[in-house]
PDB file of N, CA and C in Angstrom:
ATOM      1  N   MET A   1     -14.143  10.122  -5.451  1.00  0.00           N
ATOM      2  CA  MET A   1     -13.228   9.102  -5.369  1.00  0.00           C
ATOM      3  C   MET A   1     -12.256   7.903  -4.633  1.00  0.00           C
ATOM      4  N   PHE A   2     -11.511   8.905  -5.351  1.00  0.00           N
ATOM      5  CA  PHE A   2      -9.652   9.718  -4.826  1.00  0.00           C
ATOM      6  C   PHE A   2      -9.541   8.485  -2.514  1.00  0.00           C
ATOM      7  N   GLN A   3     -10.178   9.797  -2.486  1.00  0.00           N
ATOM      8  CA  GLN A   3     -10.176   9.733  -1.573  1.00  0.00           C
ATOM      9  C   GLN A   3     -10.950   8.555  -1.180  1.00  0.00           C
ATOM     10  N   ALA A   4     -11.958   8.259  -0.902  1.00  0.00           N
ATOM     11  CA  ALA A   4     -12.936   7.359  -0.275  1.00  0.00           C
ATOM     12  C   ALA A   4     -11.889   5.764  -0.322  1.00  0.00           C
ATOM     13  N   ALA A   5     -11.307   6.051  -1.709  1.00  0.00           N
ATOM     14  CA  ALA A   5     -10.008   4.738  -2.168  1.00  0.00           C
ATOM     15  C   ALA A   5      -8.819   4.645  -0.451  1.00  0.00           C
ATOM     16  N   GLY A   6      -8.723   6.164  -0.325  1.00  0.00           N
ATOM     17  CA  GLY A   6      -7.315   5.739   0.602  1.00  0.00           C
ATOM     18  C   GLY A   6      -7.988   5.957   1.802  1.00  0.00           C
ATOM     19  N   LEU A   7      -8.607   6.170   2.042  1.00  0.00           N
ATOM     20  CA  LEU A   7      -9.770   6.060   3.459  1.00  0.00           C
ATOM     21  C   LEU A   7      -9.843   4.653   4.070  1.00  0.00           C
ATOM     22  N   LEU A   8     -10.531   3.904   2.478  1.00  0.00           N
ATOM     23  CA  LEU A   8     -10.241   1.941   2.666  1.00  0.00           C
ATOM     24  C   LEU A   8      -8.953   1.906   2.903  1.00  0.00           C
ATOM     25  N   GLY A   9      -8.261   2.655   3.085  1.00  0.00           N
ATOM     26  CA  GLY A   9      -6.371   1.769   2.358  1.00  0.00           C
ATOM     27  C   GLY A   9      -5.733   2.273   3.959  1.00  0.00           C
ATOM     28  N   LEU A  10      -6.283   2.613   4.376  1.00  0.00           N
ATOM     29  CA  LEU A  10      -5.854   3.242   5.379  1.00  0.00           C
ATOM     30  C   LEU A  10      -6.304   2.685   6.434  1.00  0.00           C
ATOM     31  N   ALA A  11      -7.792   2.100   6.240  1.00  0.00           N
ATOM     32  CA  ALA A  11      -8.661   1.539   6.827  1.00  0.00           C
ATOM     33  C   ALA A  11      -8.334   0.174   7.599  1.00  0.00           C
ATOM     34  N   GLY A  12      -7.248  -0.333   5.654  1.00  0.00           N
ATOM     35  CA  GLY A  12      -7.859  -2.001   6.037  1.00  0.00           C
ATOM     36  C   GLY A  12      -7.818  -2.754   4.935  1.00  0.00           C
ATOM     37  N   LEU A  13      -9.196  -1.927   4.422  1.00  0.00           N
ATOM     38  CA  LEU A  13      -9.824  -2.432   3.835  1.00  0.00           C
ATOM     39  C   LEU A  13     -10.096  -2.484   2.002  1.00  0.00           C
ATOM     40  N   LEU A  14      -9.046  -1.780   1.806  1.00  0.00           N
ATOM     41  CA  LEU A  14      -8.851  -1.730   0.677  1.00  0.00           C
ATOM     42  C   LEU A  14      -7.174  -2.187  -0.017  1.00  0.00           C
ATOM     43  N   ASP A  15      -6.345  -2.877  -0.665  1.00  0.00           N
ATOM     44  CA  ASP A  15      -5.111  -3.676  -1.362  1.00  0.00           C
ATOM     45  C   ASP A  15      -4.889  -2.192  -1.103  1.00  0.00           C
ATOM     46  N   THR A  16      -3.521  -1.188  -1.379  1.00  0.00           N
ATOM     47  CA  THR A  16      -3.784  -0.188  -2.042  1.00  0.00           C
ATOM     48  C   THR A  16      -2.866  -0.755  -3.500  1.00  0.00           C
ATOM     49  N   LYS A  17      -1.851  -1.885  -2.936  1.00  0.00           N
ATOM     50  CA  LYS A  17      -1.535  -2.439  -4.111  1.00  0.00           C
ATOM     51  C   LYS A  17      -1.619  -2.872  -5.671  1.00  0.00           C
ATOM     52  N   THR A  18      -3.481  -3.559  -5.673  1.00  0.00           N
ATOM     53  CA  THR A  18      -4.070  -3.856  -6.446  1.00  0.00           C
ATOM     54  C   THR A  18      -5.470  -3.675  -7.089  1.00  0.00           C
ATOM     55  N   GLY A  19      -5.667  -2.088  -5.353  1.00  0.00           N
ATOM     56  CA  GLY A  19      -7.576  -1.969  -5.646  1.00  0.00           C
ATOM     57  C   GLY A  19      -8.047  -2.827  -4.805  1.00  0.00           C
ATOM     58  N   GLU A  20      -7.468  -4.529  -4.272  1.00  0.00           N
ATOM     59  CA  GLU A  20      -8.759  -5.428  -4.374  1.00  0.00           C
ATOM     60  C   GLU A  20      -9.603  -4.771  -3.039  1.00  0.00           C
ATOM     61  N   LEU A  21     -10.830  -4.888  -2.326  1.00  0.00           N
ATOM     62  CA  LEU A  21     -11.085  -5.134  -1.730  1.00  0.00           C
ATOM     63  C   LEU A  21     -11.264  -6.445  -0.633  1.00  0.00           C
ATOM     64  N   ALA A  22     -10.305  -5.842   0.972  1.00  0.00           N
ATOM     65  CA  ALA A  22     -10.616  -6.709   1.824  1.00  0.00           C
ATOM     66  C   ALA A  22     -11.352  -7.209   1.870  1.00  0.00           C
ATOM     67  N   ARG A  23     -12.420  -6.902   1.524  1.00  0.00           N
ATOM     68  CA  ARG A  23     -13.405  -7.820   1.611  1.00  0.00           C
ATOM     69  C   ARG A  23     -14.666  -8.101   0.703  1.00  0.00           C
ATOM     70  N   LYS A  24     -15.087  -9.052   1.061  1.00  0.00           N
ATOM     71  CA  LYS A  24     -16.700  -8.823   0.056  1.00  0.00           C
ATOM     72  C   LYS A  24     -17.344  -7.791   0.405  1.00  0.00           C
ATOM     73  N   PRO A  25     -17.985  -7.503  -1.371  1.00  0.00           N
ATOM     74  CA  PRO A  25     -18.517  -5.566  -1.594  1.00  0.00           C
ATOM     75  C   PRO A  25     -19.429  -6.135  -0.702  1.00  0.00           C
ATOM     76  N   ALA A  26     -20.547  -7.001  -1.081  1.00  0.00           N
ATOM     77  CA  ALA A  26     -21.845  -7.679   0.022  1.00  0.00           C
ATOM     78  C   ALA A  26     -21.486  -6.203   1.426  1.00  0.00           C
ATOM     79  N   ALA A  27     -20.467  -7.531   1.931  1.00  0.00           N
ATOM     80  CA  ALA A  27     -20.410  -7.398   3.446  1.00  0.00           C
ATOM     81  C   ALA A  27     -19.418  -5.676   4.047  1.00  0.00           C
ATOM     82  N   LEU A  28     -18.802  -5.314   3.227  1.00  0.00           N
ATOM     83  CA  LEU A  28     -18.261  -3.961   2.713  1.00  0.00           C
ATOM     84  C   LEU A  28     -19.884  -3.208   3.272  1.00  0.00           C
ATOM     85  N   LEU A  29     -20.690  -3.171   2.115  1.00  0.00           N
ATOM     86  CA  LEU A  29     -21.919  -2.721   1.945  1.00  0.00           C
ATOM     87  C   LEU A  29     -22.432  -2.636   3.003  1.00  0.00           C
ATOM     88  N   GLY A  30     -22.625  -4.241   3.922  1.00  0.00           N
ATOM     89  CA  GLY A  30     -23.490  -3.720   5.010  1.00  0.00           C
ATOM     90  C   GLY A  30     -22.857  -3.615   5.503  1.00  0.00           C
ATOM     91  N   ALA A  31     -21.828  -3.294   6.378  1.00  0.00           N
ATOM     92  CA  ALA A  31     -21.103  -3.192   7.281  1.00  0.00           C
ATOM     93  C   ALA A  31     -21.139  -1.319   7.370  1.00  0.00           C
ATOM     94  N   LEU A  32     -21.166  -0.715   5.912  1.00  0.00           N
ATOM     95  CA  LEU A  32     -21.202   0.302   6.163  1.00  0.00           C
ATOM     96  C   LEU A  32     -22.984   1.515   6.331  1.00  0.00           C
ATOM     97  N   LEU A  33     -23.456  -0.140   5.783  1.00  0.00           N
ATOM     98  CA  LEU A  33     -25.174   0.411   6.366  1.00  0.00           C
ATOM     99  C   LEU A  33     -25.742   0.574   7.113  1.00  0.00           C
ATOM    100  N   GLY A  34     -25.073   0.013   7.943  1.00  0.00           N
ATOM    101  CA  GLY A  34     -24.796  -1.008   9.568  1.00  0.00           C
ATOM    102  C   GLY A  34     -24.451   0.791  10.612  1.00  0.00           C
ATOM    103  N   LEU A  35     -23.288   1.483   9.589  1.00  0.00           N
ATOM    104  CA  LEU A  35     -22.639   2.300  10.573  1.00  0.00           C
ATOM    105  C   LEU A  35     -23.316   3.539   9.949  1.00  0.00           C
ATOM    106  N   ALA A  36     -24.409   3.838   8.751  1.00  0.00           N
ATOM    107  CA  ALA A  36     -25.350   4.912   8.648  1.00  0.00           C
ATOM    108  C   ALA A  36     -25.878   5.197  10.258  1.00  0.00           C
ATOM    109  N   GLN A  37     -26.267   4.377  10.742  1.00  0.00           N
ATOM    110  CA  GLN A  37     -27.605   4.234  11.277  1.00  0.00           C
ATOM    111  C   GLN A  37     -27.510   4.602  12.828  1.00  0.00           C
ATOM    112  N   VAL A  38     -25.429   3.696  12.685  1.00  0.00           N
ATOM    113  CA  VAL A  38     -25.272   4.668  13.685  1.00  0.00           C
ATOM    114  C   VAL A  38     -25.794   6.736  14.343  1.00  0.00           C
ATOM    115  N   GLU A  39     -25.950   6.681  15.352  1.00  0.00           N
ATOM    116  CA  GLU A  39     -26.657   8.127  15.586  1.00  0.00           C
ATOM    117  C   GLU A  39     -26.434   8.864  17.117  1.00  0.00           C
ATOM    118  N   ASP A  40     -25.743   7.770  17.811  1.00  0.00           N
ATOM    119  CA  ASP A  40     -24.280   7.741  18.647  1.00  0.00           C
ATOM    120  C   ASP A  40     -22.895   9.083  18.534  1.00  0.00           C
ATOM    121  N   PRO A  41     -24.238  10.466  19.127  1.00  0.00           N
ATOM    122  CA  PRO A  41     -22.320  11.572  18.694  1.00  0.00           C
ATOM    123  C   PRO A  41     -20.539  10.555  19.720  1.00  0.00           C
ATOM    124  N   ARG A  42     -21.186  10.100  20.655  1.00  0.00           N
ATOM    125  CA  ARG A  42     -20.260  10.203  21.251  1.00  0.00           C
ATOM    126  C   ARG A  42     -19.503   8.702  20.465  1.00  0.00           C
ATOM    127  N   ARG A  43     -20.071   8.037  19.164  1.00  0.00           N
ATOM    128  CA  ARG A  43     -19.415   6.830  19.170  1.00  0.00           C
ATOM    129  C   ARG A  43     -18.305   7.736  17.442  1.00  0.00           C
ATOM    130  N   TRP A  44     -19.473   8.975  17.157  1.00  0.00           N
ATOM    131  CA  TRP A  44     -19.027   9.466  16.299  1.00  0.00           C
ATOM    132  C   TRP A  44     -17.280   9.988  16.879  1.00  0.00           C
ATOM    133  N   GLU A  45     -17.849  10.560  17.660  1.00  0.00           N
ATOM    134  CA  GLU A  45     -16.789  11.913  17.945  1.00  0.00           C
ATOM    135  C   GLU A  45     -15.218  10.796  18.719  1.00  0.00           C
ATOM    136  N   GLU A  46     -15.873   9.366  18.961  1.00  0.00           N
ATOM    137  CA  GLU A  46     -14.876   8.551  19.124  1.00  0.00           C
ATOM    138  C   GLU A  46     -13.685   7.888  17.378  1.00  0.00           C
ATOM    139  N   TRP A  47     -15.035   7.845  16.818  1.00  0.00           N
ATOM    140  CA  TRP A  47     -14.186   7.553  15.974  1.00  0.00           C
ATOM    141  C   TRP A  47     -13.062   8.746  15.064  1.00  0.00           C
ATOM    142  N   GLU A  48     -13.213   9.757  15.337  1.00  0.00           N
ATOM    143  CA  GLU A  48     -13.320  10.644  15.259  1.00  0.00           C
ATOM    144  C   GLU A  48     -11.881  11.416  15.050  1.00  0.00           C
ATOM    145  N   ILE A  49     -12.137  11.561  16.868  1.00  0.00           N
ATOM    146  CA  ILE A  49     -10.528  10.832  16.980  1.00  0.00           C
ATOM    147  C   ILE A  49      -9.611  10.589  16.985  1.00  0.00           C
ATOM    148  N   LYS A  50     -10.030   8.707  16.407  1.00  0.00           N
ATOM    149  CA  LYS A  50      -9.304   7.299  16.360  1.00  0.00           C
ATOM    150  C   LYS A  50      -8.522   8.317  14.650  1.00  0.00           C
ATOM    151  N   GLY A  51     -10.230   9.290  13.788  1.00  0.00           N
ATOM    152  CA  GLY A  51      -9.341   8.483  12.960  1.00  0.00           C
ATOM    153  C   GLY A  51      -8.670  10.131  12.372  1.00  0.00           C
ATOM    154  N   ALA A  52      -8.190  10.939  13.374  1.00  0.00           N
ATOM    155  CA  ALA A  52      -7.688  12.764  13.041  1.00  0.00           C
ATOM    156  C   ALA A  52      -6.129  11.934  13.315  1.00  0.00           C
ATOM    157  N   SER A  53      -6.300  10.985  13.898  1.00  0.00           N
ATOM    158  CA  SER A  53      -4.641  10.627  14.656  1.00  0.00           C
ATOM    159  C   SER A  53      -4.524   9.441  13.945  1.00  0.00           C
ATOM    160  N   LEU A  54      -4.650   8.467  13.416  1.00  0.00           N
ATOM    161  CA  LEU A  54      -4.050   8.498  12.602  1.00  0.00           C
ATOM    162  C   LEU A  54      -3.862   8.885  10.825  1.00  0.00           C
ATOM    163  N   LEU A  55      -4.793  10.194  11.078  1.00  0.00           N
ATOM    164  CA  LEU A  55      -4.916  11.111   9.259  1.00  0.00           C
ATOM    165  C   LEU A  55      -2.752  11.781  10.609  1.00  0.00           C
ATOM    166  N   ALA A  56      -2.974  12.293  11.880  1.00  0.00           N
ATOM    167  CA  ALA A  56      -1.860  13.270  12.230  1.00  0.00           C
ATOM    168  C   ALA A  56      -0.899  12.525  11.392  1.00  0.00           C
ATOM    169  N   GLU A  57      -0.899  11.197  12.319  1.00  0.00           N
ATOM    170  CA  GLU A  57       0.581   9.877  12.243  1.00  0.00           C
ATOM    171  C   GLU A  57       0.780   9.647  10.562  1.00  0.00           C
ATOM    172  N   ARG A  58      -0.064   9.646   9.419  1.00  0.00           N
ATOM    173  CA  ARG A  58       0.729   9.990   8.740  1.00  0.00           C
ATOM    174  C   ARG A  58       0.662  11.122   7.944  1.00  0.00           C
ATOM    175  N   GLN A  59       0.121  12.418   8.064  1.00  0.00           N
ATOM    176  CA  GLN A  59       1.056  13.563   7.661  1.00  0.00           C
ATOM    177  C   GLN A  59       2.551  13.723   8.105  1.00  0.00           C
ATOM    178  N   ALA A  60       2.491  12.962   9.542  1.00  0.00           N
ATOM    179  CA  ALA A  60       4.065  13.378  10.061  1.00  0.00           C
ATOM    180  C   ALA A  60       4.365  12.264   9.537  1.00  0.00           C
ATOM    181  N   LYS A  61       4.641  11.396   9.212  1.00  0.00           N
ATOM    182  CA  LYS A  61       5.535  10.842   7.902  1.00  0.00           C
ATOM    183  C   LYS A  61       5.539  10.974   6.716  1.00  0.00           C
ATOM    184  N   LYS A  62       5.091  11.812   6.968  1.00  0.00           N
ATOM    185  CA  LYS A  62       5.130  11.801   5.267  1.00  0.00           C
ATOM    186  C   LYS A  62       5.129  13.589   5.262  1.00  0.00           C
ATOM    187  N   GLY A  63       6.303  14.092   6.506  1.00  0.00           N
ATOM    188  CA  GLY A  63       7.126  15.150   6.056  1.00  0.00           C
ATOM    189  C   GLY A  63       6.001  16.431   6.385  1.00  0.00           C
ATOM    190  N   GLY A  64       5.426  15.900   6.812  1.00  0.00           N
ATOM    191  CA  GLY A  64       4.686  17.847   7.518  1.00  0.00           C
ATOM    192  C   GLY A  64       3.162  17.765   6.162  1.00  0.00           C
ATOM    193  N   ARG A  65       3.199  17.162   5.009  1.00  0.00           N
ATOM    194  CA  ARG A  65       2.445  17.388   3.200  1.00  0.00           C
ATOM    195  C   ARG A  65       0.828  17.055   4.131  1.00  0.00           C
ATOM    196  N   LYS A  66      -0.488  17.226   3.554  1.00  0.00           N
ATOM    197  CA  LYS A  66      -1.331  17.344   4.517  1.00  0.00           C
ATOM    198  C   LYS A  66      -2.256  15.422   3.676  1.00  0.00           C
ATOM    199  N   ASP A  67      -2.260  14.556   4.779  1.00  0.00           N
ATOM    200  CA  ASP A  67      -2.135  13.192   3.896  1.00  0.00           C
ATOM    201  C   ASP A  67      -4.205  13.671   4.967  1.00  0.00           C
ATOM    202  N   ASP A  68      -5.362  13.785   3.418  1.00  0.00           N
ATOM    203  CA  ASP A  68      -6.523  14.032   3.560  1.00  0.00           C
ATOM    204  C   ASP A  68      -7.034  12.334   4.049  1.00  0.00           C
ATOM    205  N   GLY A  69      -6.404  11.370   3.265  1.00  0.00           N
ATOM    206  CA  GLY A  69      -6.394   9.845   2.813  1.00  0.00           C
ATOM    207  C   GLY A  69      -6.604   9.677   1.281  1.00  0.00           C
ATOM    208  N   GLY A  70      -6.855  10.461   0.179  1.00  0.00           N
ATOM    209  CA  GLY A  70      -6.685  10.301  -0.750  1.00  0.00           C
ATOM    210  C   GLY A  70      -5.541   9.949  -1.251  1.00  0.00           C
ATOM    211  N   GLY A  71      -5.855  10.157  -2.731  1.00  0.00           N
ATOM    212  CA  GLY A  71      -4.638   9.036  -3.699  1.00  0.00           C
ATOM    213  C   GLY A  71      -4.331   7.879  -2.692  1.00  0.00           C
ATOM    214  N   SER A  72      -2.584   7.438  -3.510  1.00  0.00           N
ATOM    215  CA  SER A  72      -1.940   6.619  -3.507  1.00  0.00           C
ATOM    216  C   SER A  72      -1.419   6.086  -1.947  1.00  0.00           C
ATOM    217  N   ILE A  73      -1.713   5.560  -0.618  1.00  0.00           N
ATOM    218  CA  ILE A  73      -1.794   5.775   0.822  1.00  0.00           C
ATOM    219  C   ILE A  73      -1.409   3.805   0.869  1.00  0.00           C
ATOM    220  N   GLU A  74      -0.565   3.666   0.864  1.00  0.00           N
ATOM    221  CA  GLU A  74      -0.501   2.419   1.834  1.00  0.00           C
ATOM    222  C   GLU A  74      -0.925   2.148   3.062  1.00  0.00           C
ATOM    223  N   SER A  75      -1.410   0.858   3.271  1.00  0.00           N
ATOM    224  CA  SER A  75      -2.443   0.105   3.885  1.00  0.00           C
ATOM    225  C   SER A  75      -2.068   0.614   5.569  1.00  0.00           C
ATOM    226  N   ALA A  76      -2.659   1.041   6.715  1.00  0.00           N
ATOM    227  CA  ALA A  76      -1.643   1.504   7.783  1.00  0.00           C
ATOM    228  C   ALA A  76      -0.865   0.434   8.401  1.00  0.00           C
ATOM    229  N   HIS A  77      -2.026  -0.697   7.847  1.00  0.00           N
ATOM    230  CA  HIS A  77      -1.230  -2.274   8.803  1.00  0.00           C
ATOM    231  C   HIS A  77      -0.586  -2.436   8.143  1.00  0.00           C
ATOM    232  N   GLN A  78       0.468  -1.842   7.096  1.00  0.00           N
ATOM    233  CA  GLN A  78       1.331  -2.336   7.132  1.00  0.00           C
ATOM    234  C   GLN A  78       2.614  -2.494   7.459  1.00  0.00           C
ATOM    235  N   SER A  79       3.663  -3.282   7.908  1.00  0.00           N
ATOM    236  CA  SER A  79       4.805  -2.155   8.511  1.00  0.00           C
ATOM    237  C   SER A  79       5.253  -1.145   7.383  1.00  0.00           C
ATOM    238  N   PRO A  80       5.776  -0.004   7.483  1.00  0.00           N
ATOM    239  CA  PRO A  80       7.023   0.487   7.171  1.00  0.00           C
ATOM    240  C   PRO A  80       8.150   0.295   6.269  1.00  0.00           C
TER     241      PRO A  80
END
């Protein structure tokens, strides 16, 4: 659960300070349901590349510690 919350925070979908979702729960669930239906491997590869890039950027900012999106991480959309 903590990893999922960390990933939501990195994506800007969760306020990591308050724990509040940035969107209505029903809207977020609907988006996830739509995402789950995407079968195009090129889309998934594109998303994986973007995600890996952001995770690597966060890892570099943390001094090389592994950052898998879990824990208390500020949103990537906030200024450092």
